[in-house]
Amino acid sequence: MSKIIITDGQTDEILERIGKKDVIENDHEQDKPTYLETFSFTAFGNKRYAQYLTDKNRLIIPDEDGNWQEFVIRFTDKYREDETVFIEVIAYASYQELVGSKIIRAGRTESMAAEAHARSILS
């Protein structure tokens, strides 16, 4: 693995990068029948990047084929072993956020105010 790019979950701004020398271990799992895809890793917890490894921020990683994939951080845990601080991160593929999405069919609606249209779509 080369590097991990951390981006802000709201703005997509690049916050920090983690070099491969800082990643102690990592695991990328993909279950094709259920579309469940996870990426987990352990890194040093006392480095500057650790402050950005928070829930909902995103990770951009190179996959096995050299393409980039996006994951959403779901769990982090900082712990200490002797004098060293580590951080464990578990993230899910960002496309999995679409699982609960609903398709809004194209069509015409009656004449309503913009607020009423918005309420109708969001319901």
C-alpha atoms as a PDB file:
ATOM      1  CA  MET A   1       0.000   0.000   0.000  1.00  0.00           C
ATOM      2  CA  SER A   2       1.269   3.472  -0.759  1.00  0.00           C
ATOM      3  CA  LYS A   3      -0.444   6.243   1.162  1.00  0.00           C
ATOM      4  CA  ILE A   4      -3.828   6.932   2.708  1.00  0.00           C
ATOM      5  CA  ILE A   5      -5.427  10.305   2.000  1.00  0.00           C
ATOM      6  CA  ILE A   6      -7.803  11.685   4.658  1.00  0.00           C
ATOM      7  CA  THR A   7     -10.531  14.051   3.456  1.00  0.00           C
ATOM      8  CA  ASP A   8     -13.184  16.042   5.302  1.00  0.00           C
ATOM      9  CA  GLY A   9     -16.516  14.213   5.260  1.00  0.00           C
ATOM     10  CA  GLN A  10     -18.442  17.445   4.553  1.00  0.00           C
ATOM     11  CA  THR A  11     -16.216  19.439   2.202  1.00  0.00           C
ATOM     12  CA  ASP A  12     -13.991  16.760   0.586  1.00  0.00           C
ATOM     13  CA  GLU A  13     -10.979  18.959   1.434  1.00  0.00           C
ATOM     14  CA  ILE A  14      -7.755  16.973   1.818  1.00  0.00           C
ATOM     15  CA  LEU A  15      -6.834  17.152   5.495  1.00  0.00           C
ATOM     16  CA  GLU A  16      -3.755  14.943   5.746  1.00  0.00           C
ATOM     17  CA  ARG A  17      -1.881  11.989   4.283  1.00  0.00           C
ATOM     18  CA  ILE A  18      -0.589   8.892   6.020  1.00  0.00           C
ATOM     19  CA  GLY A  19       2.587   7.428   4.536  1.00  0.00           C
ATOM     20  CA  LYS A  20       3.030   3.683   4.303  1.00  0.00           C
ATOM     21  CA  LYS A  21       5.771   3.741   6.965  1.00  0.00           C
ATOM     22  CA  ASP A  22       3.137   4.882   9.505  1.00  0.00           C
ATOM     23  CA  VAL A  23       0.671   2.074   8.735  1.00  0.00           C
ATOM     24  CA  ILE A  24       1.443  -0.851  11.031  1.00  0.00           C
ATOM     25  CA  GLU A  25      -1.131  -3.211   9.490  1.00  0.00           C
ATOM     26  CA  ASN A  26      -4.091  -2.962   7.130  1.00  0.00           C
ATOM     27  CA  ASP A  27      -6.835  -5.177   5.794  1.00  0.00           C
ATOM     28  CA  HIS A  28      -9.132  -4.642   2.815  1.00  0.00           C
ATOM     29  CA  GLU A  29     -12.086  -7.052   2.663  1.00  0.00           C
ATOM     30  CA  GLN A  30     -14.726  -7.337   0.002  1.00  0.00           C
ATOM     31  CA  ASP A  31     -17.770  -9.629   0.119  1.00  0.00           C
ATOM     32  CA  LYS A  32     -19.196  -9.639  -3.398  1.00  0.00           C
ATOM     33  CA  PRO A  33     -22.557 -11.353  -2.612  1.00  0.00           C
ATOM     34  CA  THR A  34     -23.486  -8.770   0.070  1.00  0.00           C
ATOM     35  CA  TYR A  35     -21.587  -5.797  -1.389  1.00  0.00           C
ATOM     36  CA  LEU A  36     -19.994  -5.275   2.023  1.00  0.00           C
ATOM     37  CA  GLU A  37     -16.538  -3.744   1.691  1.00  0.00           C
ATOM     38  CA  THR A  38     -14.351  -2.647   4.584  1.00  0.00           C
ATOM     39  CA  PHE A  39     -10.895  -1.224   5.077  1.00  0.00           C
ATOM     40  CA  SER A  40      -9.240  -1.308   8.476  1.00  0.00           C
ATOM     41  CA  PHE A  41      -5.793  -0.285   9.576  1.00  0.00           C
ATOM     42  CA  THR A  42      -3.655   0.519  12.587  1.00  0.00           C
ATOM     43  CA  ALA A  43      -1.306   3.518  12.608  1.00  0.00           C
ATOM     44  CA  PHE A  44       0.568   5.632  15.115  1.00  0.00           C
ATOM     45  CA  GLY A  45      -1.906   7.565  17.275  1.00  0.00           C
ATOM     46  CA  ASN A  46       0.407  10.414  18.242  1.00  0.00           C
ATOM     47  CA  LYS A  47       1.033  11.774  14.731  1.00  0.00           C
ATOM     48  CA  ARG A  48      -0.589  14.878  13.249  1.00  0.00           C
ATOM     49  CA  TYR A  49      -2.926  12.882  10.998  1.00  0.00           C
ATOM     50  CA  ALA A  50      -4.552  11.091  13.986  1.00  0.00           C
ATOM     51  CA  GLN A  51      -6.736  14.123  14.833  1.00  0.00           C
ATOM     52  CA  TYR A  52      -8.495  13.745  11.462  1.00  0.00           C
ATOM     53  CA  LEU A  53      -9.287  10.045  11.842  1.00  0.00           C
ATOM     54  CA  THR A  54     -12.790  10.734  13.097  1.00  0.00           C
ATOM     55  CA  ASP A  55     -16.246   9.422  12.329  1.00  0.00           C
ATOM     56  CA  LYS A  56     -17.567  10.422   8.888  1.00  0.00           C
ATOM     57  CA  ASN A  57     -14.261  11.687   7.503  1.00  0.00           C
ATOM     58  CA  ARG A  58     -13.180   9.824   4.405  1.00  0.00           C
ATOM     59  CA  LEU A  59     -10.176   7.782   3.382  1.00  0.00           C
ATOM     60  CA  ILE A  60      -8.921   7.529  -0.182  1.00  0.00           C
ATOM     61  CA  ILE A  61      -6.763   4.456  -0.727  1.00  0.00           C
ATOM     62  CA  PRO A  62      -5.244   2.717  -3.726  1.00  0.00           C
ATOM     63  CA  ASP A  63      -6.767  -0.697  -4.352  1.00  0.00           C
ATOM     64  CA  GLU A  64      -4.980  -3.812  -5.557  1.00  0.00           C
ATOM     65  CA  ASP A  65      -5.361  -2.696  -9.203  1.00  0.00           C
ATOM     66  CA  GLY A  66      -3.954   0.801  -8.665  1.00  0.00           C
ATOM     67  CA  ASN A  67      -7.348   2.552  -8.749  1.00  0.00           C
ATOM     68  CA  TRP A  68      -8.436   4.860  -5.923  1.00  0.00           C
ATOM     69  CA  GLN A  69     -11.299   3.911  -3.601  1.00  0.00           C
ATOM     70  CA  GLU A  70     -13.185   5.995  -1.048  1.00  0.00           C
ATOM     71  CA  PHE A  71     -14.126   4.764   2.419  1.00  0.00           C
ATOM     72  CA  VAL A  72     -16.076   6.452   5.221  1.00  0.00           C
ATOM     73  CA  ILE A  73     -14.639   6.162   8.737  1.00  0.00           C
ATOM     74  CA  ARG A  74     -17.086   4.436  11.093  1.00  0.00           C
ATOM     75  CA  PHE A  75     -14.961   3.494  14.101  1.00  0.00           C
ATOM     76  CA  THR A  76     -11.696   4.619  15.673  1.00  0.00           C
ATOM     77  CA  ASP A  77      -9.963   3.493  18.834  1.00  0.00           C
ATOM     78  CA  LYS A  78      -6.821   4.973  20.342  1.00  0.00           C
ATOM     79  CA  TYR A  79      -4.837   2.765  22.673  1.00  0.00           C
ATOM     80  CA  ARG A  80      -1.406   2.535  24.231  1.00  0.00           C
ATOM     81  CA  GLU A  81       1.056  -0.343  24.258  1.00  0.00           C
ATOM     82  CA  ASP A  82       4.022   0.407  26.499  1.00  0.00           C
ATOM     83  CA  GLU A  83       5.154   3.890  25.426  1.00  0.00           C
ATOM     84  CA  THR A  84       3.605   3.839  21.944  1.00  0.00           C
ATOM     85  CA  VAL A  85       0.144   5.207  21.067  1.00  0.00           C
ATOM     86  CA  PHE A  86      -1.761   3.509  18.259  1.00  0.00           C
ATOM     87  CA  ILE A  87      -5.026   4.249  16.502  1.00  0.00           C
ATOM     88  CA  GLU A  88      -7.211   1.577  14.937  1.00  0.00           C
ATOM     89  CA  VAL A  89      -9.622   2.639  12.191  1.00  0.00           C
ATOM     90  CA  ILE A  90     -12.479   0.769  10.524  1.00  0.00           C
ATOM     91  CA  ALA A  91     -14.100   2.247   7.422  1.00  0.00           C
ATOM     92  CA  TYR A  92     -16.790   1.149   4.978  1.00  0.00           C
ATOM     93  CA  ALA A  93     -16.866   1.745   1.223  1.00  0.00           C
ATOM     94  CA  SER A  94     -18.651   5.023   0.517  1.00  0.00           C
ATOM     95  CA  TYR A  95     -20.965   3.432  -2.049  1.00  0.00           C
ATOM     96  CA  GLN A  96     -22.612   1.552   0.822  1.00  0.00           C
ATOM     97  CA  GLU A  97     -24.230   4.831   1.920  1.00  0.00           C
ATOM     98  CA  LEU A  98     -26.497   4.460  -1.116  1.00  0.00           C
ATOM     99  CA  VAL A  99     -28.123   1.296   0.270  1.00  0.00           C
ATOM    100  CA  GLY A 100     -30.883   3.242   2.041  1.00  0.00           C
ATOM    101  CA  SER A 101     -31.415   5.651  -0.827  1.00  0.00           C
ATOM    102  CA  LYS A 102     -34.707   5.946  -2.638  1.00  0.00           C
ATOM    103  CA  ILE A 103     -35.202   6.645  -6.331  1.00  0.00           C
ATOM    104  CA  ILE A 104     -37.275   9.719  -7.125  1.00  0.00           C
ATOM    105  CA  ARG A 105     -39.028   9.142 -10.402  1.00  0.00           C
ATOM    106  CA  ALA A 106     -39.165  11.909 -12.955  1.00  0.00           C
ATOM    107  CA  GLY A 107     -42.555  13.419 -13.498  1.00  0.00           C
ATOM    108  CA  ARG A 108     -44.739  16.450 -13.339  1.00  0.00           C
ATOM    109  CA  THR A 109     -46.169  17.824 -10.143  1.00  0.00           C
ATOM    110  CA  GLU A 110     -48.940  20.222  -9.431  1.00  0.00           C
ATOM    111  CA  SER A 111     -48.100  23.866  -9.101  1.00  0.00           C
ATOM    112  CA  MET A 112     -46.739  24.405  -5.575  1.00  0.00           C
ATOM    113  CA  ALA A 113     -44.304  26.686  -3.818  1.00  0.00           C
ATOM    114  CA  ALA A 114     -40.638  25.576  -3.797  1.00  0.00           C
ATOM    115  CA  GLU A 115     -40.853  24.783  -0.067  1.00  0.00           C
ATOM    116  CA  ALA A 116     -43.813  22.445  -0.637  1.00  0.00           C
ATOM    117  CA  HIS A 117     -41.926  20.664  -3.437  1.00  0.00           C
ATOM    118  CA  ALA A 118     -38.911  20.240  -1.169  1.00  0.00           C
ATOM    119  CA  ARG A 119     -41.046  18.790   1.639  1.00  0.00           C
ATOM    120  CA  SER A 120     -42.653  16.373  -0.788  1.00  0.00           C
ATOM    121  CA  ILE A 121     -39.326  15.137  -2.148  1.00  0.00           C
ATOM    122  CA  LEU A 122     -37.716  14.786   1.270  1.00  0.00           C
ATOM    123  CA  SER A 123     -40.604  12.835   2.776  1.00  0.00           C
END
